[in-house]
Amino acid sequence: MTTWEYLITPLPLHTPKQVLDMHGSEGWELVSIVTGPEGGSVAYMKRPKQ
């Protein structure tokens, strides 16, 4: 059974792709993007725990 670890990170308005690419290169998989409580975008990511 796979055990996951999670990352919740804000996405900057002007550079969301760079942030997603950076975390993707570290093994993080995007699960969802939602609007945060202050109006900005927040990414929820996961990767298998090592």
PDB file of N, CA and C in Angstrom:
ATOM      1  N   MET A   1       0.839  -1.179   0.000  1.00  0.00           N
ATOM      2  CA  MET A   1       0.000   0.000   0.000  1.00  0.00           C
ATOM      3  C   MET A   1       0.891   1.251   0.000  1.00  0.00           C
ATOM      4  N   THR A   2       0.589   2.187  -0.862  1.00  0.00           N
ATOM      5  CA  THR A   2       1.358   3.425  -0.959  1.00  0.00           C
ATOM      6  C   THR A   2       0.954   4.392   0.142  1.00  0.00           C
ATOM      7  N   THR A   3       1.949   4.943   0.806  1.00  0.00           N
ATOM      8  CA  THR A   3       1.733   6.001   1.785  1.00  0.00           C
ATOM      9  C   THR A   3       2.175   7.310   1.144  1.00  0.00           C
ATOM     10  N   TRP A   4       1.372   8.366   1.319  1.00  0.00           N
ATOM     11  CA  TRP A   4       1.624   9.640   0.650  1.00  0.00           C
ATOM     12  C   TRP A   4       2.052  10.708   1.637  1.00  0.00           C
ATOM     13  N   GLU A   5       2.839  11.649   1.134  1.00  0.00           N
ATOM     14  CA  GLU A   5       3.070  12.894   1.855  1.00  0.00           C
ATOM     15  C   GLU A   5       2.477  14.007   0.996  1.00  0.00           C
ATOM     16  N   TYR A   6       2.096  15.104   1.640  1.00  0.00           N
ATOM     17  CA  TYR A   6       1.365  16.163   0.952  1.00  0.00           C
ATOM     18  C   TYR A   6       2.067  17.506   1.099  1.00  0.00           C
ATOM     19  N   LEU A   7       1.860  18.350   0.104  1.00  0.00           N
ATOM     20  CA  LEU A   7       2.403  19.705   0.095  1.00  0.00           C
ATOM     21  C   LEU A   7       1.274  20.653  -0.292  1.00  0.00           C
ATOM     22  N   ILE A   8       1.103  21.701   0.484  1.00  0.00           N
ATOM     23  CA  ILE A   8       0.137  22.757   0.168  1.00  0.00           C
ATOM     24  C   ILE A   8       0.956  24.025  -0.010  1.00  0.00           C
ATOM     25  N   THR A   9       0.881  24.620  -1.199  1.00  0.00           N
ATOM     26  CA  THR A   9       1.733  25.769  -1.494  1.00  0.00           C
ATOM     27  C   THR A   9       0.978  26.837  -2.276  1.00  0.00           C
ATOM     28  N   PRO A  10       1.197  28.115  -1.960  1.00  0.00           N
ATOM     29  CA  PRO A  10       0.581  29.185  -2.745  1.00  0.00           C
ATOM     30  C   PRO A  10       1.208  29.237  -4.136  1.00  0.00           C
ATOM     31  N   LEU A  11       0.423  29.641  -5.125  1.00  0.00           N
ATOM     32  CA  LEU A  11       0.924  29.807  -6.489  1.00  0.00           C
ATOM     33  C   LEU A  11       0.972  31.296  -6.811  1.00  0.00           C
ATOM     34  N   PRO A  12       2.153  31.821  -7.102  1.00  0.00           N
ATOM     35  CA  PRO A  12       2.260  33.237  -7.459  1.00  0.00           C
ATOM     36  C   PRO A  12       1.481  33.534  -8.740  1.00  0.00           C
ATOM     37  N   LEU A  13       0.868  34.681  -8.792  1.00  0.00           N
ATOM     38  CA  LEU A  13       0.032  35.075  -9.926  1.00  0.00           C
ATOM     39  C   LEU A  13       0.799  35.063 -11.243  1.00  0.00           C
ATOM     40  N   HIS A  14       2.042  35.523 -11.232  1.00  0.00           N
ATOM     41  CA  HIS A  14       2.786  35.696 -12.483  1.00  0.00           C
ATOM     42  C   HIS A  14       3.670  34.516 -12.859  1.00  0.00           C
ATOM     43  N   THR A  15       3.907  33.576 -11.926  1.00  0.00           N
ATOM     44  CA  THR A  15       4.831  32.470 -12.229  1.00  0.00           C
ATOM     45  C   THR A  15       4.324  31.110 -11.751  1.00  0.00           C
ATOM     46  N   PRO A  16       3.052  30.784 -11.955  1.00  0.00           N
ATOM     47  CA  PRO A  16       2.572  29.493 -11.442  1.00  0.00           C
ATOM     48  C   PRO A  16       3.252  28.299 -12.105  1.00  0.00           C
ATOM     49  N   LYS A  17       3.553  28.392 -13.403  1.00  0.00           N
ATOM     50  CA  LYS A  17       4.165  27.261 -14.100  1.00  0.00           C
ATOM     51  C   LYS A  17       5.539  26.934 -13.530  1.00  0.00           C
ATOM     52  N   GLN A  18       6.325  27.949 -13.227  1.00  0.00           N
ATOM     53  CA  GLN A  18       7.659  27.710 -12.679  1.00  0.00           C
ATOM     54  C   GLN A  18       7.582  26.992 -11.332  1.00  0.00           C
ATOM     55  N   VAL A  19       6.629  27.383 -10.494  1.00  0.00           N
ATOM     56  CA  VAL A  19       6.467  26.745  -9.185  1.00  0.00           C
ATOM     57  C   VAL A  19       6.044  25.288  -9.371  1.00  0.00           C
ATOM     58  N   LEU A  20       5.076  25.044 -10.258  1.00  0.00           N
ATOM     59  CA  LEU A  20       4.620  23.673 -10.493  1.00  0.00           C
ATOM     60  C   LEU A  20       5.730  22.823 -11.099  1.00  0.00           C
ATOM     61  N   ASP A  21       6.489  23.381 -12.045  1.00  0.00           N
ATOM     62  CA  ASP A  21       7.611  22.646 -12.645  1.00  0.00           C
ATOM     63  C   ASP A  21       8.668  22.298 -11.597  1.00  0.00           C
ATOM     64  N   MET A  22       8.966  23.243 -10.712  1.00  0.00           N
ATOM     65  CA  MET A  22       9.975  23.009  -9.678  1.00  0.00           C
ATOM     66  C   MET A  22       9.561  21.848  -8.772  1.00  0.00           C
ATOM     67  N   HIS A  23       8.308  21.894  -8.290  1.00  0.00           N
ATOM     68  CA  HIS A  23       7.843  20.827  -7.407  1.00  0.00           C
ATOM     69  C   HIS A  23       7.697  19.508  -8.167  1.00  0.00           C
ATOM     70  N   GLY A  24       7.286  19.568  -9.420  1.00  0.00           N
ATOM     71  CA  GLY A  24       7.186  18.358 -10.234  1.00  0.00           C
ATOM     72  C   GLY A  24       8.534  17.679 -10.400  1.00  0.00           C
ATOM     73  N   SER A  25       9.591  18.455 -10.556  1.00  0.00           N
ATOM     74  CA  SER A  25      10.928  17.869 -10.695  1.00  0.00           C
ATOM     75  C   SER A  25      11.404  17.226  -9.393  1.00  0.00           C
ATOM     76  N   GLU A  26      10.753  17.565  -8.275  1.00  0.00           N
ATOM     77  CA  GLU A  26      11.068  16.962  -6.976  1.00  0.00           C
ATOM     78  C   GLU A  26      10.149  15.777  -6.666  1.00  0.00           C
ATOM     79  N   GLY A  27       9.335  15.380  -7.659  1.00  0.00           N
ATOM     80  CA  GLY A  27       8.484  14.205  -7.482  1.00  0.00           C
ATOM     81  C   GLY A  27       7.068  14.485  -7.019  1.00  0.00           C
ATOM     82  N   TRP A  28       6.702  15.771  -6.883  1.00  0.00           N
ATOM     83  CA  TRP A  28       5.353  16.114  -6.440  1.00  0.00           C
ATOM     84  C   TRP A  28       4.382  16.044  -7.614  1.00  0.00           C
ATOM     85  N   GLU A  29       3.200  15.513  -7.360  1.00  0.00           N
ATOM     86  CA  GLU A  29       2.130  15.414  -8.359  1.00  0.00           C
ATOM     87  C   GLU A  29       0.996  16.349  -7.949  1.00  0.00           C
ATOM     88  N   LEU A  30       0.545  17.174  -8.888  1.00  0.00           N
ATOM     89  CA  LEU A  30      -0.544  18.111  -8.610  1.00  0.00           C
ATOM     90  C   LEU A  30      -1.852  17.350  -8.437  1.00  0.00           C
ATOM     91  N   VAL A  31      -2.548  17.638  -7.340  1.00  0.00           N
ATOM     92  CA  VAL A  31      -3.846  17.025  -7.067  1.00  0.00           C
ATOM     93  C   VAL A  31      -4.964  18.007  -7.392  1.00  0.00           C
ATOM     94  N   SER A  32      -4.788  19.267  -6.966  1.00  0.00           N
ATOM     95  CA  SER A  32      -5.851  20.252  -7.143  1.00  0.00           C
ATOM     96  C   SER A  32      -5.287  21.662  -6.976  1.00  0.00           C
ATOM     97  N   ILE A  33      -5.945  22.614  -7.623  1.00  0.00           N
ATOM     98  CA  ILE A  33      -5.675  24.035  -7.398  1.00  0.00           C
ATOM     99  C   ILE A  33      -6.993  24.667  -6.978  1.00  0.00           C
ATOM    100  N   VAL A  34      -6.972  25.372  -5.855  1.00  0.00           N
ATOM    101  CA  VAL A  34      -8.179  26.015  -5.339  1.00  0.00           C
ATOM    102  C   VAL A  34      -7.873  27.474  -5.028  1.00  0.00           C
ATOM    103  N   THR A  35      -8.923  28.256  -4.848  1.00  0.00           N
ATOM    104  CA  THR A  35      -8.773  29.639  -4.421  1.00  0.00           C
ATOM    105  C   THR A  35      -8.612  29.660  -2.910  1.00  0.00           C
ATOM    106  N   GLY A  36      -7.535  30.280  -2.448  1.00  0.00           N
ATOM    107  CA  GLY A  36      -7.263  30.358  -1.018  1.00  0.00           C
ATOM    108  C   GLY A  36      -8.161  31.362  -0.321  1.00  0.00           C
ATOM    109  N   PRO A  37      -8.081  31.428   1.004  1.00  0.00           N
ATOM    110  CA  PRO A  37      -8.946  32.316   1.782  1.00  0.00           C
ATOM    111  C   PRO A  37      -8.728  33.797   1.485  1.00  0.00           C
ATOM    112  N   GLU A  38      -7.543  34.141   0.986  1.00  0.00           N
ATOM    113  CA  GLU A  38      -7.255  35.545   0.681  1.00  0.00           C
ATOM    114  C   GLU A  38      -7.361  35.832  -0.812  1.00  0.00           C
ATOM    115  N   GLY A  39      -7.875  34.871  -1.591  1.00  0.00           N
ATOM    116  CA  GLY A  39      -8.128  35.095  -3.007  1.00  0.00           C
ATOM    117  C   GLY A  39      -7.093  34.558  -3.966  1.00  0.00           C
ATOM    118  N   GLY A  40      -5.899  34.227  -3.498  1.00  0.00           N
ATOM    119  CA  GLY A  40      -4.872  33.678  -4.383  1.00  0.00           C
ATOM    120  C   GLY A  40      -5.081  32.190  -4.628  1.00  0.00           C
ATOM    121  N   SER A  41      -4.326  31.651  -5.568  1.00  0.00           N
ATOM    122  CA  SER A  41      -4.413  30.221  -5.868  1.00  0.00           C
ATOM    123  C   SER A  41      -3.490  29.431  -4.944  1.00  0.00           C
ATOM    124  N   VAL A  42      -3.971  28.251  -4.551  1.00  0.00           N
ATOM    125  CA  VAL A  42      -3.213  27.350  -3.692  1.00  0.00           C
ATOM    126  C   VAL A  42      -3.192  25.981  -4.359  1.00  0.00           C
ATOM    127  N   ALA A  43      -1.992  25.387  -4.452  1.00  0.00           N
ATOM    128  CA  ALA A  43      -1.843  24.065  -5.056  1.00  0.00           C
ATOM    129  C   ALA A  43      -1.735  23.011  -3.961  1.00  0.00           C
ATOM    130  N   TYR A  44      -2.457  21.914  -4.143  1.00  0.00           N
ATOM    131  CA  TYR A  44      -2.355  20.742  -3.282  1.00  0.00           C
ATOM    132  C   TYR A  44      -1.627  19.676  -4.084  1.00  0.00           C
ATOM    133  N   MET A  45      -0.536  19.154  -3.521  1.00  0.00           N
ATOM    134  CA  MET A  45       0.297  18.202  -4.237  1.00  0.00           C
ATOM    135  C   MET A  45       0.570  16.996  -3.344  1.00  0.00           C
ATOM    136  N   LYS A  46       0.941  15.866  -3.983  1.00  0.00           N
ATOM    137  CA  LYS A  46       1.268  14.663  -3.224  1.00  0.00           C
ATOM    138  C   LYS A  46       2.422  13.945  -3.911  1.00  0.00           C
ATOM    139  N   ARG A  47       3.116  13.094  -3.122  1.00  0.00           N
ATOM    140  CA  ARG A  47       4.125  12.192  -3.673  1.00  0.00           C
ATOM    141  C   ARG A  47       4.250  11.004  -2.725  1.00  0.00           C
ATOM    142  N   PRO A  48       4.688   9.870  -3.250  1.00  0.00           N
ATOM    143  CA  PRO A  48       4.861   8.706  -2.372  1.00  0.00           C
ATOM    144  C   PRO A  48       5.894   9.009  -1.286  1.00  0.00           C
ATOM    145  N   LYS A  49       5.576   8.573  -0.074  1.00  0.00           N
ATOM    146  CA  LYS A  49       6.494   8.765   1.043  1.00  0.00           C
ATOM    147  C   LYS A  49       7.666   7.809   0.890  1.00  0.00           C
ATOM    148  N   GLN A  50       8.850   8.270   1.214  1.00  0.00           N
ATOM    149  CA  GLN A  50      10.047   7.429   1.053  1.00  0.00           C
ATOM    150  C   GLN A  50      10.544   6.912   2.373  1.00  0.00           C
TER     151      GLN A  50
END
